[in-house]
Amino acid sequence: MNTVPGTRPATREELFRRLTIAYEYLHAYYNRSVTLEEVSRVACLSKNHLIRSFRHFFKRTPHQFIIEKRLLEAQRLLAHTDISITEISQRVGFETPSSFNKLFRQRTGCSPQMFRKK
């Protein structure tokens, strides 16, 4: 909590509480279309303050967090289920299978099909 920006301990504590709310909200709803406005409203922070503070504390933006969470869940589903890749992409919150395939390949270095075969 000491890494949260703010001069007064009470300010840091409150910001930490609000960032934790944003984190938990994103973690719970990663698989649906979550807007920055929605997250900032839930956390009671402005959009810019949320992005800046979230990046400072969690070392990534809310959008980057959601993408990572989706891809990790997709990897788990690919490794442990026989669900189709299209179904997996929809379950984890990607709008189209092509955007899922592209991002998956960029982040892992292989396609979802190759990842499943490994």
PDB file of N, CA and C in Angstrom:
ATOM      1  N   MET A   1       0.810  -1.186   0.000  1.00  0.00           N
ATOM      2  CA  MET A   1       0.000   0.000   0.000  1.00  0.00           C
ATOM      3  C   MET A   1       0.861   1.260   0.000  1.00  0.00           C
ATOM      4  N   ASN A   2       2.099   1.145   0.451  1.00  0.00           N
ATOM      5  CA  ASN A   2       2.980   2.309   0.494  1.00  0.00           C
ATOM      6  C   ASN A   2       3.363   2.792  -0.896  1.00  0.00           C
ATOM      7  N   THR A   3       3.176   1.958  -1.918  1.00  0.00           N
ATOM      8  CA  THR A   3       3.509   2.379  -3.274  1.00  0.00           C
ATOM      9  C   THR A   3       2.380   3.163  -3.926  1.00  0.00           C
ATOM     10  N   VAL A   4       1.213   3.192  -3.303  1.00  0.00           N
ATOM     11  CA  VAL A   4       0.086   3.958  -3.838  1.00  0.00           C
ATOM     12  C   VAL A   4       0.404   5.433  -3.676  1.00  0.00           C
ATOM     13  N   PRO A   5       0.211   6.230  -4.746  1.00  0.00           N
ATOM     14  CA  PRO A   5       0.521   7.645  -4.636  1.00  0.00           C
ATOM     15  C   PRO A   5      -0.403   8.363  -3.648  1.00  0.00           C
ATOM     16  N   GLY A   6       0.146   9.347  -2.995  1.00  0.00           N
ATOM     17  CA  GLY A   6      -0.617  10.149  -2.037  1.00  0.00           C
ATOM     18  C   GLY A   6       0.283  10.534  -0.884  1.00  0.00           C
ATOM     19  N   THR A   7       0.049  11.718  -0.342  1.00  0.00           N
ATOM     20  CA  THR A   7       0.909  12.185   0.741  1.00  0.00           C
ATOM     21  C   THR A   7       0.451  11.666   2.094  1.00  0.00           C
ATOM     22  N   ARG A   8      -0.830  11.729   2.324  1.00  0.00           N
ATOM     23  CA  ARG A   8      -1.333  11.308   3.625  1.00  0.00           C
ATOM     24  C   ARG A   8      -1.646   9.817   3.630  1.00  0.00           C
ATOM     25  N   PRO A   9      -1.390   9.140   4.732  1.00  0.00           N
ATOM     26  CA  PRO A   9      -1.704   7.712   4.825  1.00  0.00           C
ATOM     27  C   PRO A   9      -3.185   7.415   4.571  1.00  0.00           C
ATOM     28  N   ALA A  10      -4.078   8.280   5.054  1.00  0.00           N
ATOM     29  CA  ALA A  10      -5.515   8.046   4.843  1.00  0.00           C
ATOM     30  C   ALA A  10      -5.872   8.134   3.368  1.00  0.00           C
ATOM     31  N   THR A  11      -5.221   9.030   2.643  1.00  0.00           N
ATOM     32  CA  THR A  11      -5.455   9.168   1.200  1.00  0.00           C
ATOM     33  C   THR A  11      -4.975   7.923   0.471  1.00  0.00           C
ATOM     34  N   ARG A  12      -3.782   7.456   0.823  1.00  0.00           N
ATOM     35  CA  ARG A  12      -3.239   6.233   0.212  1.00  0.00           C
ATOM     36  C   ARG A  12      -4.128   5.032   0.509  1.00  0.00           C
ATOM     37  N   GLU A  13      -4.605   4.944   1.723  1.00  0.00           N
ATOM     38  CA  GLU A  13      -5.466   3.830   2.114  1.00  0.00           C
ATOM     39  C   GLU A  13      -6.774   3.832   1.315  1.00  0.00           C
ATOM     40  N   GLU A  14      -7.365   5.005   1.168  1.00  0.00           N
ATOM     41  CA  GLU A  14      -8.621   5.116   0.413  1.00  0.00           C
ATOM     42  C   GLU A  14      -8.397   4.803  -1.067  1.00  0.00           C
ATOM     43  N   LEU A  15      -7.318   5.301  -1.639  1.00  0.00           N
ATOM     44  CA  LEU A  15      -7.017   5.017  -3.042  1.00  0.00           C
ATOM     45  C   LEU A  15      -6.756   3.535  -3.235  1.00  0.00           C
ATOM     46  N   PHE A  16      -6.038   2.925  -2.305  1.00  0.00           N
ATOM     47  CA  PHE A  16      -5.790   1.488  -2.364  1.00  0.00           C
ATOM     48  C   PHE A  16      -7.109   0.715  -2.335  1.00  0.00           C
ATOM     49  N   ARG A  17      -8.032   1.128  -1.469  1.00  0.00           N
ATOM     50  CA  ARG A  17      -9.337   0.468  -1.370  1.00  0.00           C
ATOM     51  C   ARG A  17     -10.096   0.578  -2.687  1.00  0.00           C
ATOM     52  N   ARG A  18     -10.071   1.746  -3.301  1.00  0.00           N
ATOM     53  CA  ARG A  18     -10.783   1.952  -4.559  1.00  0.00           C
ATOM     54  C   ARG A  18     -10.132   1.184  -5.705  1.00  0.00           C
ATOM     55  N   LEU A  19      -8.807   1.130  -5.722  1.00  0.00           N
ATOM     56  CA  LEU A  19      -8.115   0.352  -6.764  1.00  0.00           C
ATOM     57  C   LEU A  19      -8.408  -1.135  -6.603  1.00  0.00           C
ATOM     58  N   THR A  20      -8.502  -1.586  -5.381  1.00  0.00           N
ATOM     59  CA  THR A  20      -8.833  -2.987  -5.121  1.00  0.00           C
ATOM     60  C   THR A  20     -10.243  -3.302  -5.608  1.00  0.00           C
ATOM     61  N   ILE A  21     -11.164  -2.378  -5.416  1.00  0.00           N
ATOM     62  CA  ILE A  21     -12.530  -2.552  -5.918  1.00  0.00           C
ATOM     63  C   ILE A  21     -12.511  -2.670  -7.442  1.00  0.00           C
ATOM     64  N   ALA A  22     -11.749  -1.789  -8.102  1.00  0.00           N
ATOM     65  CA  ALA A  22     -11.643  -1.830  -9.568  1.00  0.00           C
ATOM     66  C   ALA A  22     -11.039  -3.153 -10.022  1.00  0.00           C
ATOM     67  N   TYR A  23      -9.985  -3.594  -9.350  1.00  0.00           N
ATOM     68  CA  TYR A  23      -9.314  -4.852  -9.688  1.00  0.00           C
ATOM     69  C   TYR A  23     -10.281  -6.030  -9.556  1.00  0.00           C
ATOM     70  N   GLU A  24     -10.979  -6.090  -8.438  1.00  0.00           N
ATOM     71  CA  GLU A  24     -11.916  -7.193  -8.203  1.00  0.00           C
ATOM     72  C   GLU A  24     -13.067  -7.171  -9.211  1.00  0.00           C
ATOM     73  N   TYR A  25     -13.527  -5.986  -9.564  1.00  0.00           N
ATOM     74  CA  TYR A  25     -14.593  -5.860 -10.558  1.00  0.00           C
ATOM     75  C   TYR A  25     -14.119  -6.382 -11.910  1.00  0.00           C
ATOM     76  N   LEU A  26     -12.925  -5.972 -12.317  1.00  0.00           N
ATOM     77  CA  LEU A  26     -12.370  -6.445 -13.589  1.00  0.00           C
ATOM     78  C   LEU A  26     -12.137  -7.953 -13.551  1.00  0.00           C
ATOM     79  N   HIS A  27     -11.681  -8.434 -12.429  1.00  0.00           N
ATOM     80  CA  HIS A  27     -11.437  -9.868 -12.279  1.00  0.00           C
ATOM     81  C   HIS A  27     -12.748 -10.654 -12.391  1.00  0.00           C
ATOM     82  N   ALA A  28     -13.811 -10.134 -11.823  1.00  0.00           N
ATOM     83  CA  ALA A  28     -15.096 -10.830 -11.832  1.00  0.00           C
ATOM     84  C   ALA A  28     -15.796 -10.769 -13.185  1.00  0.00           C
ATOM     85  N   TYR A  29     -15.626  -9.671 -13.906  1.00  0.00           N
ATOM     86  CA  TYR A  29     -16.368  -9.466 -15.148  1.00  0.00           C
ATOM     87  C   TYR A  29     -15.461  -9.399 -16.382  1.00  0.00           C
ATOM     88  N   TYR A  30     -14.307 -10.046 -16.333  1.00  0.00           N
ATOM     89  CA  TYR A  30     -13.360 -10.020 -17.451  1.00  0.00           C
ATOM     90  C   TYR A  30     -13.966 -10.566 -18.744  1.00  0.00           C
ATOM     91  N   ASN A  31     -14.939 -11.458 -18.623  1.00  0.00           N
ATOM     92  CA  ASN A  31     -15.462 -12.150 -19.797  1.00  0.00           C
ATOM     93  C   ASN A  31     -16.631 -11.440 -20.465  1.00  0.00           C
ATOM     94  N   ARG A  32     -16.915 -10.237 -20.042  1.00  0.00           N
ATOM     95  CA  ARG A  32     -17.940  -9.466 -20.732  1.00  0.00           C
ATOM     96  C   ARG A  32     -17.367  -8.106 -21.097  1.00  0.00           C
ATOM     97  N   SER A  33     -18.108  -7.360 -21.855  1.00  0.00           N
ATOM     98  CA  SER A  33     -17.635  -6.063 -22.323  1.00  0.00           C
ATOM     99  C   SER A  33     -17.752  -5.042 -21.191  1.00  0.00           C
ATOM    100  N   VAL A  34     -16.646  -4.756 -20.546  1.00  0.00           N
ATOM    101  CA  VAL A  34     -16.604  -3.818 -19.433  1.00  0.00           C
ATOM    102  C   VAL A  34     -15.992  -2.517 -19.940  1.00  0.00           C
ATOM    103  N   THR A  35     -16.678  -1.411 -19.693  1.00  0.00           N
ATOM    104  CA  THR A  35     -16.158  -0.122 -20.136  1.00  0.00           C
ATOM    105  C   THR A  35     -15.370   0.543 -19.011  1.00  0.00           C
ATOM    106  N   LEU A  36     -14.492   1.430 -19.413  1.00  0.00           N
ATOM    107  CA  LEU A  36     -13.718   2.185 -18.440  1.00  0.00           C
ATOM    108  C   LEU A  36     -14.631   3.064 -17.581  1.00  0.00           C
ATOM    109  N   GLU A  37     -15.675   3.592 -18.196  1.00  0.00           N
ATOM    110  CA  GLU A  37     -16.639   4.404 -17.455  1.00  0.00           C
ATOM    111  C   GLU A  37     -17.291   3.586 -16.335  1.00  0.00           C
ATOM    112  N   GLU A  38     -17.631   2.357 -16.658  1.00  0.00           N
ATOM    113  CA  GLU A  38     -18.266   1.462 -15.686  1.00  0.00           C
ATOM    114  C   GLU A  38     -17.332   1.188 -14.510  1.00  0.00           C
ATOM    115  N   VAL A  39     -16.088   0.862 -14.806  1.00  0.00           N
ATOM    116  CA  VAL A  39     -15.113   0.550 -13.755  1.00  0.00           C
ATOM    117  C   VAL A  39     -14.821   1.783 -12.914  1.00  0.00           C
ATOM    118  N   SER A  40     -14.669   2.923 -13.569  1.00  0.00           N
ATOM    119  CA  SER A  40     -14.378   4.148 -12.811  1.00  0.00           C
ATOM    120  C   SER A  40     -15.563   4.524 -11.915  1.00  0.00           C
ATOM    121  N   ARG A  41     -16.771   4.283 -12.374  1.00  0.00           N
ATOM    122  CA  ARG A  41     -17.958   4.557 -11.558  1.00  0.00           C
ATOM    123  C   ARG A  41     -17.987   3.638 -10.343  1.00  0.00           C
ATOM    124  N   VAL A  42     -17.717   2.364 -10.546  1.00  0.00           N
ATOM    125  CA  VAL A  42     -17.726   1.396  -9.444  1.00  0.00           C
ATOM    126  C   VAL A  42     -16.643   1.739  -8.417  1.00  0.00           C
ATOM    127  N   ALA A  43     -15.484   2.170  -8.892  1.00  0.00           N
ATOM    128  CA  ALA A  43     -14.366   2.484  -8.000  1.00  0.00           C
ATOM    129  C   ALA A  43     -14.414   3.908  -7.452  1.00  0.00           C
ATOM    130  N   CYS A  44     -15.366   4.703  -7.930  1.00  0.00           N
ATOM    131  CA  CYS A  44     -15.489   6.108  -7.510  1.00  0.00           C
ATOM    132  C   CYS A  44     -14.207   6.895  -7.795  1.00  0.00           C
ATOM    133  N   LEU A  45     -13.686   6.718  -8.997  1.00  0.00           N
ATOM    134  CA  LEU A  45     -12.506   7.454  -9.457  1.00  0.00           C
ATOM    135  C   LEU A  45     -12.782   7.969 -10.860  1.00  0.00           C
ATOM    136  N   SER A  46     -12.158   9.065 -11.226  1.00  0.00           N
ATOM    137  CA  SER A  46     -12.278   9.522 -12.605  1.00  0.00           C
ATOM    138  C   SER A  46     -11.548   8.528 -13.506  1.00  0.00           C
ATOM    139  N   LYS A  47     -11.903   8.525 -14.771  1.00  0.00           N
ATOM    140  CA  LYS A  47     -11.272   7.581 -15.709  1.00  0.00           C
ATOM    141  C   LYS A  47      -9.761   7.770 -15.737  1.00  0.00           C
ATOM    142  N   ASN A  48      -9.318   9.019 -15.852  1.00  0.00           N
ATOM    143  CA  ASN A  48      -7.876   9.275 -15.930  1.00  0.00           C
ATOM    144  C   ASN A  48      -7.154   8.885 -14.647  1.00  0.00           C
ATOM    145  N   HIS A  49      -7.759   9.206 -13.510  1.00  0.00           N
ATOM    146  CA  HIS A  49      -7.146   8.845 -12.227  1.00  0.00           C
ATOM    147  C   HIS A  49      -7.090   7.328 -12.069  1.00  0.00           C
ATOM    148  N   LEU A  50      -8.140   6.645 -12.488  1.00  0.00           N
ATOM    149  CA  LEU A  50      -8.162   5.186 -12.424  1.00  0.00           C
ATOM    150  C   LEU A  50      -7.045   4.582 -13.266  1.00  0.00           C
ATOM    151  N   ILE A  51      -6.932   5.020 -14.507  1.00  0.00           N
ATOM    152  CA  ILE A  51      -5.898   4.474 -15.393  1.00  0.00           C
ATOM    153  C   ILE A  51      -4.510   4.729 -14.818  1.00  0.00           C
ATOM    154  N   ARG A  52      -4.250   5.969 -14.435  1.00  0.00           N
ATOM    155  CA  ARG A  52      -2.933   6.357 -13.929  1.00  0.00           C
ATOM    156  C   ARG A  52      -2.585   5.582 -12.655  1.00  0.00           C
ATOM    157  N   SER A  53      -3.514   5.527 -11.711  1.00  0.00           N
ATOM    158  CA  SER A  53      -3.243   4.857 -10.438  1.00  0.00           C
ATOM    159  C   SER A  53      -3.179   3.340 -10.594  1.00  0.00           C
ATOM    160  N   PHE A  54      -4.070   2.781 -11.409  1.00  0.00           N
ATOM    161  CA  PHE A  54      -4.077   1.339 -11.657  1.00  0.00           C
ATOM    162  C   PHE A  54      -2.744   0.921 -12.273  1.00  0.00           C
ATOM    163  N   ARG A  55      -2.277   1.671 -13.267  1.00  0.00           N
ATOM    164  CA  ARG A  55      -0.997   1.371 -13.914  1.00  0.00           C
ATOM    165  C   ARG A  55       0.145   1.478 -12.918  1.00  0.00           C
ATOM    166  N   HIS A  56       0.109   2.499 -12.079  1.00  0.00           N
ATOM    167  CA  HIS A  56       1.167   2.685 -11.085  1.00  0.00           C
ATOM    168  C   HIS A  56       1.216   1.517 -10.104  1.00  0.00           C
ATOM    169  N   PHE A  57       0.060   1.095  -9.630  1.00  0.00           N
ATOM    170  CA  PHE A  57       0.012   0.066  -8.600  1.00  0.00           C
ATOM    171  C   PHE A  57       0.133  -1.354  -9.159  1.00  0.00           C
ATOM    172  N   PHE A  58      -0.580  -1.660 -10.248  1.00  0.00           N
ATOM    173  CA  PHE A  58      -0.608  -3.023 -10.784  1.00  0.00           C
ATOM    174  C   PHE A  58       0.328  -3.237 -11.970  1.00  0.00           C
ATOM    175  N   LYS A  59       1.032  -2.189 -12.387  1.00  0.00           N
ATOM    176  CA  LYS A  59       2.022  -2.253 -13.473  1.00  0.00           C
ATOM    177  C   LYS A  59       1.401  -2.573 -14.830  1.00  0.00           C
ATOM    178  N   ARG A  60       0.122  -2.299 -14.981  1.00  0.00           N
ATOM    179  CA  ARG A  60      -0.579  -2.439 -16.261  1.00  0.00           C
ATOM    180  C   ARG A  60      -1.893  -1.663 -16.182  1.00  0.00           C
ATOM    181  N   THR A  61      -2.414  -1.306 -17.332  1.00  0.00           N
ATOM    182  CA  THR A  61      -3.679  -0.577 -17.376  1.00  0.00           C
ATOM    183  C   THR A  61      -4.839  -1.559 -17.153  1.00  0.00           C
ATOM    184  N   PRO A  62      -6.014  -1.043 -16.846  1.00  0.00           N
ATOM    185  CA  PRO A  62      -7.171  -1.945 -16.721  1.00  0.00           C
ATOM    186  C   PRO A  62      -7.402  -2.773 -17.991  1.00  0.00           C
ATOM    187  N   HIS A  63      -7.222  -2.153 -19.156  1.00  0.00           N
ATOM    188  CA  HIS A  63      -7.405  -2.885 -20.416  1.00  0.00           C
ATOM    189  C   HIS A  63      -6.373  -4.014 -20.539  1.00  0.00           C
ATOM    190  N   GLN A  64      -5.132  -3.729 -20.225  1.00  0.00           N
ATOM    191  CA  GLN A  64      -4.097  -4.763 -20.284  1.00  0.00           C
ATOM    192  C   GLN A  64      -4.396  -5.891 -19.299  1.00  0.00           C
ATOM    193  N   PHE A  65      -4.919  -5.539 -18.134  1.00  0.00           N
ATOM    194  CA  PHE A  65      -5.281  -6.547 -17.142  1.00  0.00           C
ATOM    195  C   PHE A  65      -6.355  -7.483 -17.686  1.00  0.00           C
ATOM    196  N   ILE A  66      -7.390  -6.912 -18.304  1.00  0.00           N
ATOM    197  CA  ILE A  66      -8.482  -7.728 -18.842  1.00  0.00           C
ATOM    198  C   ILE A  66      -7.966  -8.651 -19.944  1.00  0.00           C
ATOM    199  N   ILE A  67      -7.147  -8.136 -20.840  1.00  0.00           N
ATOM    200  CA  ILE A  67      -6.600  -8.959 -21.926  1.00  0.00           C
ATOM    201  C   ILE A  67      -5.779 -10.112 -21.352  1.00  0.00           C
ATOM    202  N   GLU A  68      -4.917  -9.819 -20.379  1.00  0.00           N
ATOM    203  CA  GLU A  68      -4.121 -10.884 -19.754  1.00  0.00           C
ATOM    204  C   GLU A  68      -5.006 -11.935 -19.105  1.00  0.00           C
ATOM    205  N   LYS A  69      -6.011 -11.483 -18.378  1.00  0.00           N
ATOM    206  CA  LYS A  69      -6.925 -12.408 -17.702  1.00  0.00           C
ATOM    207  C   LYS A  69      -7.660 -13.289 -18.709  1.00  0.00           C
ATOM    208  N   ARG A  70      -8.130 -12.690 -19.786  1.00  0.00           N
ATOM    209  CA  ARG A  70      -8.828 -13.456 -20.828  1.00  0.00           C
ATOM    210  C   ARG A  70      -7.913 -14.488 -21.458  1.00  0.00           C
ATOM    211  N   LEU A  71      -6.696 -14.090 -21.763  1.00  0.00           N
ATOM    212  CA  LEU A  71      -5.766 -15.021 -22.413  1.00  0.00           C
ATOM    213  C   LEU A  71      -5.340 -16.144 -21.469  1.00  0.00           C
ATOM    214  N   LEU A  72      -5.154 -15.841 -20.206  1.00  0.00           N
ATOM    215  CA  LEU A  72      -4.816 -16.896 -19.249  1.00  0.00           C
ATOM    216  C   LEU A  72      -5.951 -17.901 -19.105  1.00  0.00           C
ATOM    217  N   GLU A  73      -7.171 -17.395 -19.056  1.00  0.00           N
ATOM    218  CA  GLU A  73      -8.330 -18.298 -18.964  1.00  0.00           C
ATOM    219  C   GLU A  73      -8.470 -19.112 -20.249  1.00  0.00           C
ATOM    220  N   ALA A  74      -8.218 -18.491 -21.387  1.00  0.00           N
ATOM    221  CA  ALA A  74      -8.268 -19.216 -22.664  1.00  0.00           C
ATOM    222  C   ALA A  74      -7.215 -20.320 -22.690  1.00  0.00           C
ATOM    223  N   GLN A  75      -6.026 -20.038 -22.202  1.00  0.00           N
ATOM    224  CA  GLN A  75      -4.977 -21.064 -22.156  1.00  0.00           C
ATOM    225  C   GLN A  75      -5.398 -22.233 -21.273  1.00  0.00           C
ATOM    226  N   ARG A  76      -6.009 -21.909 -20.139  1.00  0.00           N
ATOM    227  CA  ARG A  76      -6.478 -22.971 -19.246  1.00  0.00           C
ATOM    228  C   ARG A  76      -7.533 -23.822 -19.924  1.00  0.00           C
ATOM    229  N   LEU A  77      -8.490 -23.185 -20.593  1.00  0.00           N
ATOM    230  CA  LEU A  77      -9.548 -23.925 -21.278  1.00  0.00           C
ATOM    231  C   LEU A  77      -9.001 -24.743 -22.445  1.00  0.00           C
ATOM    232  N   LEU A  78      -8.053 -24.195 -23.170  1.00  0.00           N
ATOM    233  CA  LEU A  78      -7.450 -24.931 -24.289  1.00  0.00           C
ATOM    234  C   LEU A  78      -6.712 -26.171 -23.789  1.00  0.00           C
ATOM    235  N   ALA A  79      -6.039 -26.039 -22.666  1.00  0.00           N
ATOM    236  CA  ALA A  79      -5.241 -27.153 -22.142  1.00  0.00           C
ATOM    237  C   ALA A  79      -6.083 -28.236 -21.465  1.00  0.00           C
ATOM    238  N   HIS A  80      -7.218 -27.847 -20.892  1.00  0.00           N
ATOM    239  CA  HIS A  80      -7.943 -28.806 -20.055  1.00  0.00           C
ATOM    240  C   HIS A  80      -9.344 -29.166 -20.522  1.00  0.00           C
ATOM    241  N   THR A  81      -9.774 -28.641 -21.668  1.00  0.00           N
ATOM    242  CA  THR A  81     -11.105 -28.982 -22.160  1.00  0.00           C
ATOM    243  C   THR A  81     -11.050 -29.274 -23.652  1.00  0.00           C
ATOM    244  N   ASP A  82     -12.143 -29.788 -24.174  1.00  0.00           N
ATOM    245  CA  ASP A  82     -12.271 -30.021 -25.609  1.00  0.00           C
ATOM    246  C   ASP A  82     -13.217 -29.015 -26.257  1.00  0.00           C
ATOM    247  N   ILE A  83     -13.490 -27.926 -25.561  1.00  0.00           N
ATOM    248  CA  ILE A  83     -14.381 -26.889 -26.084  1.00  0.00           C
ATOM    249  C   ILE A  83     -13.752 -26.294 -27.344  1.00  0.00           C
ATOM    250  N   SER A  84     -14.591 -25.986 -28.322  1.00  0.00           N
ATOM    251  CA  SER A  84     -14.069 -25.414 -29.567  1.00  0.00           C
ATOM    252  C   SER A  84     -13.410 -24.063 -29.306  1.00  0.00           C
ATOM    253  N   ILE A  85     -12.491 -23.709 -30.162  1.00  0.00           N
ATOM    254  CA  ILE A  85     -11.762 -22.449 -30.022  1.00  0.00           C
ATOM    255  C   ILE A  85     -12.705 -21.263 -30.155  1.00  0.00           C
ATOM    256  N   THR A  86     -13.689 -21.372 -31.026  1.00  0.00           N
ATOM    257  CA  THR A  86     -14.679 -20.303 -31.164  1.00  0.00           C
ATOM    258  C   THR A  86     -15.451 -20.116 -29.866  1.00  0.00           C
ATOM    259  N   GLU A  87     -15.876 -21.209 -29.273  1.00  0.00           N
ATOM    260  CA  GLU A  87     -16.607 -21.148 -28.004  1.00  0.00           C
ATOM    261  C   GLU A  87     -15.718 -20.568 -26.899  1.00  0.00           C
ATOM    262  N   ILE A  88     -14.469 -20.956 -26.853  1.00  0.00           N
ATOM    263  CA  ILE A  88     -13.547 -20.422 -25.852  1.00  0.00           C
ATOM    264  C   ILE A  88     -13.393 -18.918 -26.024  1.00  0.00           C
ATOM    265  N   SER A  89     -13.222 -18.474 -27.259  1.00  0.00           N
ATOM    266  CA  SER A  89     -13.050 -17.036 -27.491  1.00  0.00           C
ATOM    267  C   SER A  89     -14.272 -16.253 -27.009  1.00  0.00           C
ATOM    268  N   GLN A  90     -15.457 -16.816 -27.200  1.00  0.00           N
ATOM    269  CA  GLN A  90     -16.673 -16.154 -26.728  1.00  0.00           C
ATOM    270  C   GLN A  90     -16.784 -16.209 -25.209  1.00  0.00           C
ATOM    271  N   ARG A  91     -16.442 -17.327 -24.624  1.00  0.00           N
ATOM    272  CA  ARG A  91     -16.536 -17.487 -23.165  1.00  0.00           C
ATOM    273  C   ARG A  91     -15.638 -16.521 -22.411  1.00  0.00           C
ATOM    274  N   VAL A  92     -14.461 -16.271 -22.962  1.00  0.00           N
ATOM    275  CA  VAL A  92     -13.522 -15.398 -22.252  1.00  0.00           C
ATOM    276  C   VAL A  92     -13.709 -13.927 -22.594  1.00  0.00           C
ATOM    277  N   GLY A  93     -14.645 -13.617 -23.494  1.00  0.00           N
ATOM    278  CA  GLY A  93     -15.004 -12.228 -23.700  1.00  0.00           C
ATOM    279  C   GLY A  93     -14.534 -11.557 -24.972  1.00  0.00           C
ATOM    280  N   PHE A  94     -13.973 -12.302 -25.911  1.00  0.00           N
ATOM    281  CA  PHE A  94     -13.578 -11.694 -27.175  1.00  0.00           C
ATOM    282  C   PHE A  94     -14.788 -11.604 -28.089  1.00  0.00           C
ATOM    283  N   GLU A  95     -14.898 -10.502 -28.807  1.00  0.00           N
ATOM    284  CA  GLU A  95     -16.056 -10.294 -29.672  1.00  0.00           C
ATOM    285  C   GLU A  95     -16.025 -11.182 -30.904  1.00  0.00           C
ATOM    286  N   THR A  96     -14.828 -11.407 -31.445  1.00  0.00           N
ATOM    287  CA  THR A  96     -14.710 -12.261 -32.628  1.00  0.00           C
ATOM    288  C   THR A  96     -13.578 -13.259 -32.439  1.00  0.00           C
ATOM    289  N   PRO A  97     -13.711 -14.445 -33.016  1.00  0.00           N
ATOM    290  CA  PRO A  97     -12.630 -15.428 -32.938  1.00  0.00           C
ATOM    291  C   PRO A  97     -11.344 -14.929 -33.592  1.00  0.00           C
ATOM    292  N   SER A  98     -11.476 -14.099 -34.631  1.00  0.00           N
ATOM    293  CA  SER A  98     -10.263 -13.610 -35.306  1.00  0.00           C
ATOM    294  C   SER A  98      -9.460 -12.680 -34.396  1.00  0.00           C
ATOM    295  N   SER A  99     -10.142 -11.831 -33.630  1.00  0.00           N
ATOM    296  CA  SER A  99      -9.396 -10.962 -32.707  1.00  0.00           C
ATOM    297  C   SER A  99      -8.748 -11.792 -31.603  1.00  0.00           C
ATOM    298  N   PHE A 100      -9.439 -12.835 -31.163  1.00  0.00           N
ATOM    299  CA  PHE A 100      -8.858 -13.746 -30.175  1.00  0.00           C
ATOM    300  C   PHE A 100      -7.617 -14.429 -30.732  1.00  0.00           C
ATOM    301  N   ASN A 101      -7.736 -14.989 -31.941  1.00  0.00           N
ATOM    302  CA  ASN A 101      -6.597 -15.684 -32.547  1.00  0.00           C
ATOM    303  C   ASN A 101      -5.390 -14.759 -32.711  1.00  0.00           C
ATOM    304  N   LYS A 102      -5.651 -13.545 -33.173  1.00  0.00           N
ATOM    305  CA  LYS A 102      -4.567 -12.589 -33.407  1.00  0.00           C
ATOM    306  C   LYS A 102      -3.852 -12.240 -32.096  1.00  0.00           C
ATOM    307  N   LEU A 103      -4.620 -11.886 -31.076  1.00  0.00           N
ATOM    308  CA  LEU A 103      -4.021 -11.535 -29.790  1.00  0.00           C
ATOM    309  C   LEU A 103      -3.329 -12.725 -29.136  1.00  0.00           C
ATOM    310  N   PHE A 104      -3.944 -13.879 -29.238  1.00  0.00           N
ATOM    311  CA  PHE A 104      -3.351 -15.085 -28.656  1.00  0.00           C
ATOM    312  C   PHE A 104      -1.991 -15.360 -29.286  1.00  0.00           C
ATOM    313  N   ARG A 105      -1.925 -15.262 -30.608  1.00  0.00           N
ATOM    314  CA  ARG A 105      -0.665 -15.501 -31.326  1.00  0.00           C
ATOM    315  C   ARG A 105       0.387 -14.456 -30.941  1.00  0.00           C
ATOM    316  N   GLN A 106      -0.026 -13.196 -30.835  1.00  0.00           N
ATOM    317  CA  GLN A 106       0.910 -12.131 -30.464  1.00  0.00           C
ATOM    318  C   GLN A 106       1.502 -12.355 -29.076  1.00  0.00           C
ATOM    319  N   ARG A 107       0.669 -12.774 -28.142  1.00  0.00           N
ATOM    320  CA  ARG A 107       1.112 -12.899 -26.749  1.00  0.00           C
ATOM    321  C   ARG A 107       1.821 -14.210 -26.442  1.00  0.00           C
ATOM    322  N   THR A 108       1.436 -15.290 -27.125  1.00  0.00           N
ATOM    323  CA  THR A 108       2.025 -16.595 -26.786  1.00  0.00           C
ATOM    324  C   THR A 108       3.025 -17.092 -27.819  1.00  0.00           C
ATOM    325  N   GLY A 109       2.974 -16.514 -29.011  1.00  0.00           N
ATOM    326  CA  GLY A 109       3.894 -16.950 -30.059  1.00  0.00           C
ATOM    327  C   GLY A 109       3.370 -18.114 -30.881  1.00  0.00           C
ATOM    328  N   CYS A 110       2.170 -18.591 -30.564  1.00  0.00           N
ATOM    329  CA  CYS A 110       1.584 -19.662 -31.363  1.00  0.00           C
ATOM    330  C   CYS A 110       0.073 -19.485 -31.407  1.00  0.00           C
ATOM    331  N   SER A 111      -0.548 -20.140 -32.348  1.00  0.00           N
ATOM    332  CA  SER A 111      -1.999 -20.042 -32.491  1.00  0.00           C
ATOM    333  C   SER A 111      -2.676 -20.872 -31.392  1.00  0.00           C
ATOM    334  N   PRO A 112      -3.957 -20.631 -31.142  1.00  0.00           N
ATOM    335  CA  PRO A 112      -4.672 -21.454 -30.163  1.00  0.00           C
ATOM    336  C   PRO A 112      -4.644 -22.950 -30.528  1.00  0.00           C
ATOM    337  N   GLN A 113      -4.725 -23.242 -31.840  1.00  0.00           N
ATOM    338  CA  GLN A 113      -4.684 -24.641 -32.266  1.00  0.00           C
ATOM    339  C   GLN A 113      -3.339 -25.296 -31.892  1.00  0.00           C
ATOM    340  N   MET A 114      -2.258 -24.572 -32.161  1.00  0.00           N
ATOM    341  CA  MET A 114      -0.929 -25.097 -31.828  1.00  0.00           C
ATOM    342  C   MET A 114      -0.759 -25.247 -30.311  1.00  0.00           C
ATOM    343  N   PHE A 115      -1.262 -24.274 -29.580  1.00  0.00           N
ATOM    344  CA  PHE A 115      -1.172 -24.329 -28.114  1.00  0.00           C
ATOM    345  C   PHE A 115      -1.893 -25.557 -27.603  1.00  0.00           C
ATOM    346  N   ARG A 116      -3.044 -25.854 -28.136  1.00  0.00           N
ATOM    347  CA  ARG A 116      -3.819 -27.022 -27.712  1.00  0.00           C
ATOM    348  C   ARG A 116      -3.075 -28.311 -28.045  1.00  0.00           C
ATOM    349  N   LYS A 117      -2.432 -28.380 -29.200  1.00  0.00           N
ATOM    350  CA  LYS A 117      -1.704 -29.592 -29.592  1.00  0.00           C
ATOM    351  C   LYS A 117      -0.516 -29.854 -28.675  1.00  0.00           C
ATOM    352  N   LYS A 118       0.118 -28.776 -28.221  1.00  0.00           N
ATOM    353  CA  LYS A 118       1.277 -28.923 -27.319  1.00  0.00           C
ATOM    354  C   LYS A 118       0.805 -29.468 -26.000  1.00  0.00           C
TER     355      LYS A 118
END
